[in-house]
Structures are given as structure tokens and as C-alpha cells.
Amino acid sequence: MQYFTFISGFFFLTLVFNSTKPIKEQVYIYYFIVIFVALAIGLRGNDDEYTRIYVIIPTLEDFFSGNHAIINAKGWIFGFISSFFRTLNFNSQSIFLFFSSTAVFLHAFFFRKYTKYYFLAFLLYLSHEIAFKEWNGLRMGFASALLLPMIYYLEQDKKIKFFILVIIATLVQYVAILSFLLYFFNRKIKPKYLLFGLLVSVLIAKFHIVYNLVWFLDSSNLTPNIVSSYLGYEAYVYDAGLTHAKTIQQIITLLVLIFLFGYKINTSKIYNLLFHAYYLSTIFYITFSELALFAFRFGGHFYSVEPILLTYIVTTFKQRNIAANMIASISLIAAYLNYIVVGRVSPYDLFVNYPT
């Protein structure tokens, strides 16, 4: 209930700024709230796998002196940063403050850079995405947040910085290697090809093509060990189906964006990159729907752009304040479902509680 109460307060603040002219104090209020959320995320109590593995991460003295299985499994840069904190005798709280809090700041900073409705974007983020990533994850949220500066550098034609960020993100969470795909989507694509690709992805799922291919590769010992290990657990590879709420929501949103912006002759380069990231997210949700873990990991990596794109829909309405408030109201409903009905986030505890 405490999370929903906070989001409800932010919802009413968003309504105010949706309906008034921007003032300079608005930015200060925004970042004050962002800092609060980032600290709350970083200082939360947690006893998940990361607090448990932190005690077996080697210090820098031993980091380069052997083949550490935990480093290979979790990513070299994640391991190195964790090892650095271990060398300083910090407890496991340090990795939550670094990775999760940084992810919150990255979202907030690029929301403000990419859309004037950044309060609304942050509300959408608080209502849904943050519950699945920063509250319940560590590496995935950080790697997904890095997608936003990757898009910025691609838009600026700073390709070297883009590839450096892709490498960093991949060495924190391996799924981030998929970010390379954005390099090939750095242009406008005609709506008919986008719709065709969406249709093909549905047919691929219906005919179990990806599902059968993955199991064939695994039976032939051609999949990486980390993939094979997940395939051995039924809890990870269940069939989420094409009617999963998130998949349906993304398909609808994608179609709306295609028909609102796809037929415009001129759309900004940054919009095209954000849209194509979301397009990739939706395609992965569909094609890997029978292997739920991979669908949520692959699709989830790209949907950090969703709050920004949803605010762009507002600009197509004459009564933009009404449209913005309607989207804000929908986000509040999503927050109620996530935090009250489903209870995706456990009650808040300050500081880590394991290991001490």
C-alpha cells in the first residue's frame, strides 16, 4: 500500500504539471522526487540472489587470479564493480545503490531529454517497469536503462560510444548484446514492412518455429551453457502465450504508434530509434512466447523506451492536457494492479538484511 500511496501522490502532481505552463521550479521538484526514488531503491532491504552471492565475489586481489564461476555467470563488469566494493569492505547494499539507483537516474534523465511530458513518463515508469526491474532485479534493470543513452549516441552518430555502452551492458547482463540490433534499425521503415514483420512474428509463434529451433539447438549441444541451464527448469520455459497481458498491451501500443506516426513523411531520428527499440521488444515477446523467461528477458530489455513513446501519443491530440491526464489515469490503474492486486513488490524494509 505504501508504494501505491506514493505513486498516487505523484499522479496528482503530474496532473498539475500536465495542465499548467512549465516553470523552472518544476525541474527541481522532478529531480528531488527522482533522488528520493533512487535512494529508496538503493537502500531497500533485500535477501535475493545478489545479496547471497555478494559474499562469494572475490576481492580485487583475487579477481584476476583465477576462473571464478560466479563472475562468468553474472558478467565481468558486474563482477568487477562488485569486487571493487568488496575490496572497500562495503556490504551488499553497495551494489543495489550503484546498479539500481543508477538505473533510476538514467531513466529520469533521458525522460526529460526525450519528452516534455517527463513527469508523465516517470509516472508510467513508476507504475509498471520499475516494479519488474529495479525493485526485483539488479543487472537487467541497469542494462535496460543503458539502452536510453545508447539511443542518444546513435542519434548523435557517435557510434563508438554506442558500441562501448553495448559492451558494458552486455558484461553486466548478457541479454544486452541484443542492443546491437538497434544499429541496423537506425532509419525510418515503411508501415507496410512493420506490419508485415509483426504478422510474420505471430506466424512464427503459431507454428512453434522459435520454440522448436531452440530445443533442436539445445539437443545438439549448440546453445550456450547459460541457456541450457535455464531450459532445464519448467518454471522458466513455460508457455506465456500470445494472450499474455503485456504482449497484448505492446501489440496494441505498437499498432497505435504505427498508424499515428508511421505514415508521416518526416519523423525525428530519435523517435525512429525509440520506436524500433519498442518494435524489437514486441517481436521478442511474440516469437519467444512459448519460452517465457526468454520472452520477458529479451522483450523486457527493450521496453525501457515505452514511457517516452506513450507521451508522444499525447502530441497527436488537440486537447493535449486531457490526453495526458487520461494516460496518467491509466498508469495509476496499472500501479494499483501491480502494487495492490498482484503485490509484485514486497513491503519496504530499509537496508539489506542478508548477509549482514
Protein backbone atom coordinates (compact mmCIF):
# COMPACT_ATOMS: atom_id res chain seq x y z
CA MET A 1 0.00 0.00 0.00
CA GLN A 2 2.89 2.37 0.78
CA TYR A 3 4.14 2.22 -2.81
CA PHE A 4 0.73 2.91 -4.28
CA THR A 5 0.21 5.83 -1.89
CA PHE A 6 3.45 7.43 -3.06
CA ILE A 7 2.58 6.88 -6.73
CA SER A 8 -0.89 8.33 -6.14
CA GLY A 9 0.73 11.49 -4.77
CA PHE A 10 3.00 11.68 -7.80
CA PHE A 11 -0.05 11.10 -10.02
CA PHE A 12 -1.77 14.23 -8.69
CA LEU A 13 1.45 16.20 -9.10
CA THR A 14 1.62 15.01 -12.72
CA LEU A 15 -1.95 16.18 -13.32
CA VAL A 16 -0.97 19.64 -12.11
CA PHE A 17 2.04 19.90 -14.40
CA ASN A 18 0.09 18.44 -17.33
CA SER A 19 -2.34 21.35 -17.04
CA THR A 20 -0.01 24.30 -16.36
CA LYS A 21 2.75 26.07 -18.21
CA PRO A 22 6.27 24.85 -17.37
CA ILE A 23 8.07 26.71 -14.58
CA LYS A 24 11.74 26.48 -13.63
CA GLU A 25 10.90 25.02 -10.21
CA GLN A 26 9.28 22.07 -11.98
CA VAL A 27 12.69 20.60 -12.83
CA TYR A 28 13.87 20.90 -9.23
CA ILE A 29 10.74 19.16 -7.96
CA TYR A 30 11.23 16.43 -10.55
CA TYR A 31 14.81 15.66 -9.60
CA PHE A 32 14.04 15.88 -5.88
CA ILE A 33 11.49 13.08 -6.37
CA VAL A 34 13.89 11.16 -8.61
CA ILE A 35 16.61 11.31 -5.92
CA PHE A 36 14.12 10.08 -3.33
CA VAL A 37 13.07 7.13 -5.52
CA ALA A 38 16.69 6.28 -6.40
CA LEU A 39 17.70 6.23 -2.71
CA ALA A 40 14.62 4.22 -1.77
CA ILE A 41 15.50 1.66 -4.44
CA GLY A 42 19.17 1.54 -3.46
CA LEU A 43 18.63 1.34 0.29
CA ARG A 44 15.86 -1.24 0.25
CA GLY A 45 16.15 -4.41 2.25
CA ASN A 46 16.79 -7.44 0.11
CA ASP A 47 17.69 -11.09 0.53
CA ASP A 48 17.68 -12.17 -3.13
CA GLU A 49 20.41 -13.95 -5.07
CA TYR A 50 22.59 -10.85 -5.31
CA THR A 51 22.84 -10.34 -1.57
CA ARG A 52 23.70 -14.03 -1.25
CA ILE A 53 26.35 -14.15 -3.97
CA TYR A 54 28.00 -10.92 -2.87
CA VAL A 55 29.85 -12.74 -0.09
CA ILE A 56 31.50 -15.10 -2.59
CA ILE A 57 32.57 -12.39 -5.03
CA PRO A 58 36.41 -12.24 -4.87
CA THR A 59 38.19 -9.05 -3.85
CA LEU A 60 40.34 -7.27 -6.44
CA GLU A 61 43.39 -9.06 -5.09
CA ASP A 62 41.94 -12.38 -6.28
CA PHE A 63 39.77 -11.11 -9.12
CA PHE A 64 42.33 -11.67 -11.87
CA SER A 65 43.93 -14.73 -10.32
CA GLY A 66 41.61 -17.45 -11.49
CA ASN A 67 38.49 -18.53 -13.32
CA HIS A 68 35.65 -17.57 -11.00
CA ALA A 69 32.36 -19.28 -11.91
CA ILE A 70 30.25 -16.55 -10.34
CA ILE A 71 31.97 -13.90 -12.47
CA ASN A 72 31.42 -15.92 -15.64
CA ALA A 73 27.76 -16.41 -14.77
CA LYS A 74 26.92 -12.83 -13.80
CA GLY A 75 29.10 -10.78 -16.14
CA TRP A 76 32.64 -9.46 -15.95
CA ILE A 77 31.83 -5.79 -15.33
CA PHE A 78 29.19 -6.66 -12.76
CA GLY A 79 31.77 -8.86 -11.06
CA PHE A 80 34.49 -6.22 -11.23
CA ILE A 81 32.33 -3.48 -9.71
CA SER A 82 31.12 -5.85 -7.00
CA SER A 83 34.72 -6.91 -6.36
CA PHE A 84 35.71 -3.26 -6.01
CA PHE A 85 33.06 -2.71 -3.35
CA ARG A 86 34.13 -5.92 -1.59
CA THR A 87 37.73 -4.66 -1.51
CA LEU A 88 36.49 -1.48 0.20
CA ASN A 89 34.71 -3.69 2.79
CA PHE A 90 31.29 -2.38 1.75
CA ASN A 91 28.36 -4.71 2.32
CA SER A 92 25.95 -5.87 -0.35
CA GLN A 93 23.94 -2.64 -0.06
CA SER A 94 26.60 -1.04 -2.25
CA ILE A 95 25.65 -2.95 -5.40
CA PHE A 96 21.98 -2.01 -5.02
CA LEU A 97 22.89 1.63 -4.59
CA PHE A 98 25.16 1.54 -7.63
CA PHE A 99 23.19 -0.53 -10.14
CA SER A 100 19.55 0.06 -9.19
CA SER A 101 19.85 3.73 -8.24
CA THR A 102 21.87 4.47 -11.38
CA ALA A 103 19.14 2.83 -13.48
CA VAL A 104 16.53 5.14 -11.92
CA PHE A 105 18.66 8.22 -12.69
CA LEU A 106 19.24 7.11 -16.28
CA HIS A 107 15.52 6.71 -16.88
CA ALA A 108 14.72 10.06 -15.29
CA PHE A 109 17.48 11.96 -17.13
CA PHE A 110 16.57 10.66 -20.57
CA PHE A 111 12.85 11.02 -19.97
CA ARG A 112 13.48 14.73 -19.53
CA LYS A 113 15.77 14.81 -22.58
CA TYR A 114 13.36 12.98 -24.90
CA THR A 115 9.94 14.35 -23.92
CA LYS A 116 8.46 17.49 -22.41
CA TYR A 117 5.97 15.26 -20.59
CA TYR A 118 8.71 13.83 -18.41
CA PHE A 119 6.56 13.81 -15.26
CA LEU A 120 4.08 11.62 -17.11
CA ALA A 121 6.88 9.38 -18.41
CA PHE A 122 8.27 8.94 -14.91
CA LEU A 123 4.78 8.16 -13.59
CA LEU A 124 4.42 5.44 -16.23
CA TYR A 125 7.82 4.10 -15.21
CA LEU A 126 6.89 4.02 -11.52
CA SER A 127 3.56 2.37 -12.28
CA HIS A 128 4.94 -0.62 -14.15
CA GLU A 129 8.51 -1.02 -15.36
CA ILE A 130 10.29 -0.25 -12.11
CA ALA A 131 8.29 -2.97 -10.32
CA PHE A 132 9.69 -5.62 -12.68
CA LYS A 133 13.25 -4.34 -12.92
CA GLU A 134 14.71 -2.06 -10.24
CA TRP A 135 12.51 -3.40 -7.42
CA ASN A 136 13.00 -7.06 -8.27
CA GLY A 137 16.22 -7.14 -10.29
CA LEU A 138 19.62 -5.59 -10.49
CA ARG A 139 21.59 -6.34 -13.63
CA MET A 140 18.63 -6.46 -16.01
CA GLY A 141 17.35 -3.06 -14.91
CA PHE A 142 20.79 -1.47 -15.23
CA ALA A 143 21.46 -2.96 -18.68
CA SER A 144 17.99 -1.97 -19.91
CA ALA A 145 18.44 1.59 -18.65
CA LEU A 146 21.69 1.85 -20.64
CA LEU A 147 19.59 1.40 -23.78
CA LEU A 148 18.48 5.05 -23.42
CA PRO A 149 21.97 6.59 -23.70
CA MET A 150 22.75 4.06 -26.45
CA ILE A 151 19.87 5.53 -28.45
CA TYR A 152 21.10 9.03 -27.73
CA TYR A 153 24.59 8.25 -29.07
CA LEU A 154 23.19 6.56 -32.17
CA GLU A 155 21.03 9.59 -32.82
CA GLN A 156 24.14 11.76 -32.49
CA ASP A 157 26.08 9.43 -34.84
CA LYS A 158 28.55 8.68 -32.04
CA LYS A 159 28.82 5.03 -32.97
CA ILE A 160 31.94 4.25 -30.91
CA LYS A 161 30.23 5.42 -27.70
CA PHE A 162 27.18 3.38 -28.68
CA PHE A 163 29.22 0.19 -29.07
CA ILE A 164 31.13 0.86 -25.85
CA LEU A 165 27.83 1.08 -23.97
CA VAL A 166 26.58 -2.10 -25.62
CA ILE A 167 29.72 -3.93 -24.46
CA ILE A 168 29.42 -2.54 -20.93
CA ALA A 169 25.74 -3.50 -20.72
CA THR A 170 26.48 -6.99 -22.10
CA LEU A 171 29.17 -7.56 -19.48
CA VAL A 172 26.61 -6.72 -16.81
CA GLN A 173 23.70 -8.70 -18.30
CA TYR A 174 24.36 -10.90 -21.34
CA VAL A 175 20.95 -10.26 -22.89
CA ALA A 176 22.09 -6.68 -23.59
CA ILE A 177 24.07 -7.94 -26.58
CA LEU A 178 20.74 -7.71 -28.43
CA SER A 179 21.19 -3.92 -28.29
CA PHE A 180 23.46 -4.28 -31.34
CA LEU A 181 20.26 -4.76 -33.37
CA LEU A 182 19.45 -1.08 -32.96
CA TYR A 183 22.40 -0.22 -35.17
CA PHE A 184 20.57 -1.79 -38.11
CA PHE A 185 17.29 -0.01 -37.31
CA ASN A 186 18.71 3.49 -37.39
CA ARG A 187 16.35 4.67 -40.11
CA LYS A 188 12.66 5.05 -40.89
CA ILE A 189 10.88 1.88 -42.03
CA LYS A 190 7.65 1.96 -44.02
CA PRO A 191 4.50 0.91 -42.11
CA LYS A 192 3.73 -1.93 -44.53
CA TYR A 193 7.05 -3.60 -43.67
CA LEU A 194 6.49 -3.07 -39.95
CA LEU A 195 3.03 -4.62 -40.14
CA PHE A 196 4.36 -7.47 -42.24
CA GLY A 197 7.09 -8.15 -39.69
CA LEU A 198 4.51 -8.17 -36.91
CA LEU A 199 2.37 -10.65 -38.83
CA VAL A 200 5.36 -12.90 -39.54
CA SER A 201 6.30 -12.90 -35.83
CA VAL A 202 2.78 -14.07 -34.93
CA LEU A 203 3.01 -16.86 -37.53
CA ILE A 204 6.41 -17.88 -36.15
CA ALA A 205 4.85 -18.22 -32.72
CA LYS A 206 1.79 -20.05 -34.01
CA PHE A 207 3.91 -22.61 -35.86
CA HIS A 208 6.31 -23.00 -32.89
CA ILE A 209 9.33 -22.17 -35.08
CA VAL A 210 11.46 -20.48 -32.42
CA TYR A 211 10.39 -22.97 -29.78
CA ASN A 212 11.37 -25.97 -31.88
CA LEU A 213 14.58 -24.33 -33.07
CA VAL A 214 15.75 -23.60 -29.53
CA TRP A 215 15.10 -27.17 -28.39
CA PHE A 216 16.80 -28.55 -31.51
CA LEU A 217 19.90 -26.45 -30.89
CA ASP A 218 19.93 -27.46 -27.25
CA SER A 219 19.62 -31.17 -28.06
CA SER A 220 22.53 -30.72 -30.50
CA ASN A 221 24.64 -29.06 -27.76
CA LEU A 222 24.74 -25.82 -29.76
CA THR A 223 23.28 -23.48 -27.14
CA PRO A 224 25.43 -21.65 -24.56
CA ASN A 225 25.60 -23.27 -21.13
CA ILE A 226 23.65 -20.45 -19.55
CA VAL A 227 20.76 -21.03 -21.99
CA SER A 228 20.83 -24.80 -21.45
CA SER A 229 20.72 -24.32 -17.69
CA TYR A 230 17.51 -22.29 -17.95
CA LEU A 231 15.91 -24.77 -20.33
CA GLY A 232 16.20 -27.40 -17.63
CA TYR A 233 13.67 -25.64 -15.40
CA GLU A 234 10.00 -25.79 -16.31
CA ALA A 235 9.34 -22.67 -14.24
CA TYR A 236 11.46 -20.67 -16.71
CA VAL A 237 10.29 -22.08 -20.05
CA TYR A 238 6.52 -22.24 -19.65
CA ASP A 239 4.24 -21.01 -22.44
CA ALA A 240 3.23 -17.41 -21.70
CA GLY A 241 1.05 -17.41 -24.80
CA LEU A 242 0.18 -14.64 -27.22
CA THR A 243 -2.65 -13.53 -24.96
CA HIS A 244 -0.35 -12.50 -22.11
CA ALA A 245 -1.44 -9.04 -20.89
CA LYS A 246 1.95 -7.43 -21.56
CA THR A 247 2.16 -8.86 -25.08
CA ILE A 248 -1.35 -7.71 -25.95
CA GLN A 249 -0.69 -4.25 -24.50
CA GLN A 250 2.51 -3.86 -26.52
CA ILE A 251 0.90 -5.02 -29.75
CA ILE A 252 -1.92 -2.50 -29.32
CA THR A 253 0.50 0.30 -28.44
CA LEU A 254 2.71 -0.61 -31.39
CA LEU A 255 -0.21 -0.53 -33.83
CA VAL A 256 -1.33 2.84 -32.47
CA LEU A 257 2.17 4.26 -32.95
CA ILE A 258 2.39 2.86 -36.49
CA PHE A 259 -0.89 4.45 -37.55
CA LEU A 260 -0.23 7.75 -35.75
CA PHE A 261 3.38 8.31 -36.84
CA GLY A 262 4.31 5.66 -39.40
CA TYR A 263 2.64 7.43 -42.33
CA LYS A 264 4.19 10.81 -41.58
CA ILE A 265 6.83 11.76 -44.12
CA ASN A 266 9.14 13.30 -41.55
CA THR A 267 9.67 11.84 -38.11
CA SER A 268 12.66 12.63 -35.94
CA LYS A 269 15.62 10.31 -35.86
CA ILE A 270 15.25 9.92 -32.11
CA TYR A 271 11.61 8.86 -32.48
CA ASN A 272 12.55 6.23 -35.06
CA LEU A 273 15.18 4.74 -32.76
CA LEU A 274 12.84 4.72 -29.76
CA PHE A 275 10.07 3.18 -31.84
CA HIS A 276 12.31 0.48 -33.31
CA ALA A 277 13.54 -0.47 -29.84
CA TYR A 278 9.89 -0.94 -28.85
CA TYR A 279 9.22 -2.82 -32.05
CA LEU A 280 12.04 -5.25 -31.24
CA SER A 281 10.67 -5.63 -27.72
CA THR A 282 7.25 -6.61 -29.07
CA ILE A 283 8.69 -9.01 -31.65
CA PHE A 284 10.67 -10.81 -28.94
CA TYR A 285 7.60 -11.05 -26.68
CA ILE A 286 5.69 -12.68 -29.53
CA THR A 287 8.27 -15.03 -31.07
CA PHE A 288 9.59 -16.33 -27.71
CA SER A 289 6.17 -16.51 -26.04
CA GLU A 290 6.47 -20.28 -25.58
CA LEU A 291 9.74 -19.81 -23.69
CA ALA A 292 8.55 -17.26 -21.15
CA LEU A 293 11.85 -16.44 -19.47
CA PHE A 294 13.50 -15.55 -22.77
CA ALA A 295 10.46 -13.58 -23.93
CA PHE A 296 10.46 -11.47 -20.77
CA ARG A 297 14.26 -11.07 -20.74
CA PHE A 298 14.62 -10.21 -24.44
CA GLY A 299 11.46 -8.13 -24.72
CA GLY A 300 11.94 -6.54 -21.32
CA HIS A 301 15.42 -5.29 -22.23
CA PHE A 302 13.99 -3.01 -24.91
CA TYR A 303 10.82 -1.71 -23.28
CA SER A 304 12.58 0.97 -21.22
CA VAL A 305 11.52 3.27 -24.10
CA GLU A 306 7.81 2.64 -23.57
CA PRO A 307 7.07 5.55 -21.18
CA ILE A 308 8.61 8.02 -23.65
CA LEU A 309 6.66 6.71 -26.63
CA LEU A 310 3.38 6.79 -24.71
CA THR A 311 3.89 10.51 -24.04
CA TYR A 312 4.39 11.10 -27.77
CA ILE A 313 0.83 9.91 -28.33
CA VAL A 314 -0.31 12.96 -26.36
CA THR A 315 1.10 15.29 -29.03
CA THR A 316 -1.36 13.95 -31.65
CA PHE A 317 -4.38 15.32 -29.76
CA LYS A 318 -5.72 18.86 -29.89
CA GLN A 319 -6.66 18.69 -26.22
CA ARG A 320 -3.26 17.52 -25.04
CA ASN A 321 -3.95 18.10 -21.36
CA ILE A 322 -6.94 15.79 -21.46
CA ALA A 323 -4.97 13.11 -23.33
CA ALA A 324 -2.05 13.39 -20.90
CA ASN A 325 -4.39 13.08 -17.93
CA MET A 326 -6.09 10.05 -19.45
CA ILE A 327 -2.74 8.29 -19.87
CA ALA A 328 -1.82 9.28 -16.31
CA SER A 329 -5.08 7.76 -15.07
CA ILE A 330 -4.37 4.52 -16.94
CA SER A 331 -0.91 4.42 -15.34
CA LEU A 332 -2.49 4.81 -11.89
CA ILE A 333 -4.74 1.81 -12.63
CA ALA A 334 -1.64 -0.15 -13.69
CA ALA A 335 0.03 0.83 -10.42
CA TYR A 336 -2.98 -0.36 -8.44
CA LEU A 337 -2.89 -3.72 -10.21
CA ASN A 338 0.88 -4.14 -9.79
CA TYR A 339 1.26 -2.96 -6.20
CA ILE A 340 -2.10 -3.73 -4.59
CA VAL A 341 -3.84 -6.52 -6.51
CA VAL A 342 -0.83 -8.61 -7.58
CA GLY A 343 1.63 -7.33 -4.97
CA ARG A 344 4.71 -7.53 -7.18
CA VAL A 345 6.87 -5.68 -4.64
CA SER A 346 7.36 -6.87 -1.07
CA PRO A 347 6.79 -4.50 1.87
CA TYR A 348 9.58 -1.98 2.23
CA ASP A 349 12.48 -2.67 4.58
CA LEU A 350 15.33 -0.20 4.96
CA PHE A 351 18.81 -1.61 4.23
CA VAL A 352 19.79 -5.14 3.27
CA ASN A 353 19.01 -7.87 5.74
CA TYR A 354 21.23 -10.63 4.33
CA PRO A 355 24.15 -11.04 4.52
CA THR A 356 24.95 -8.81 7.46
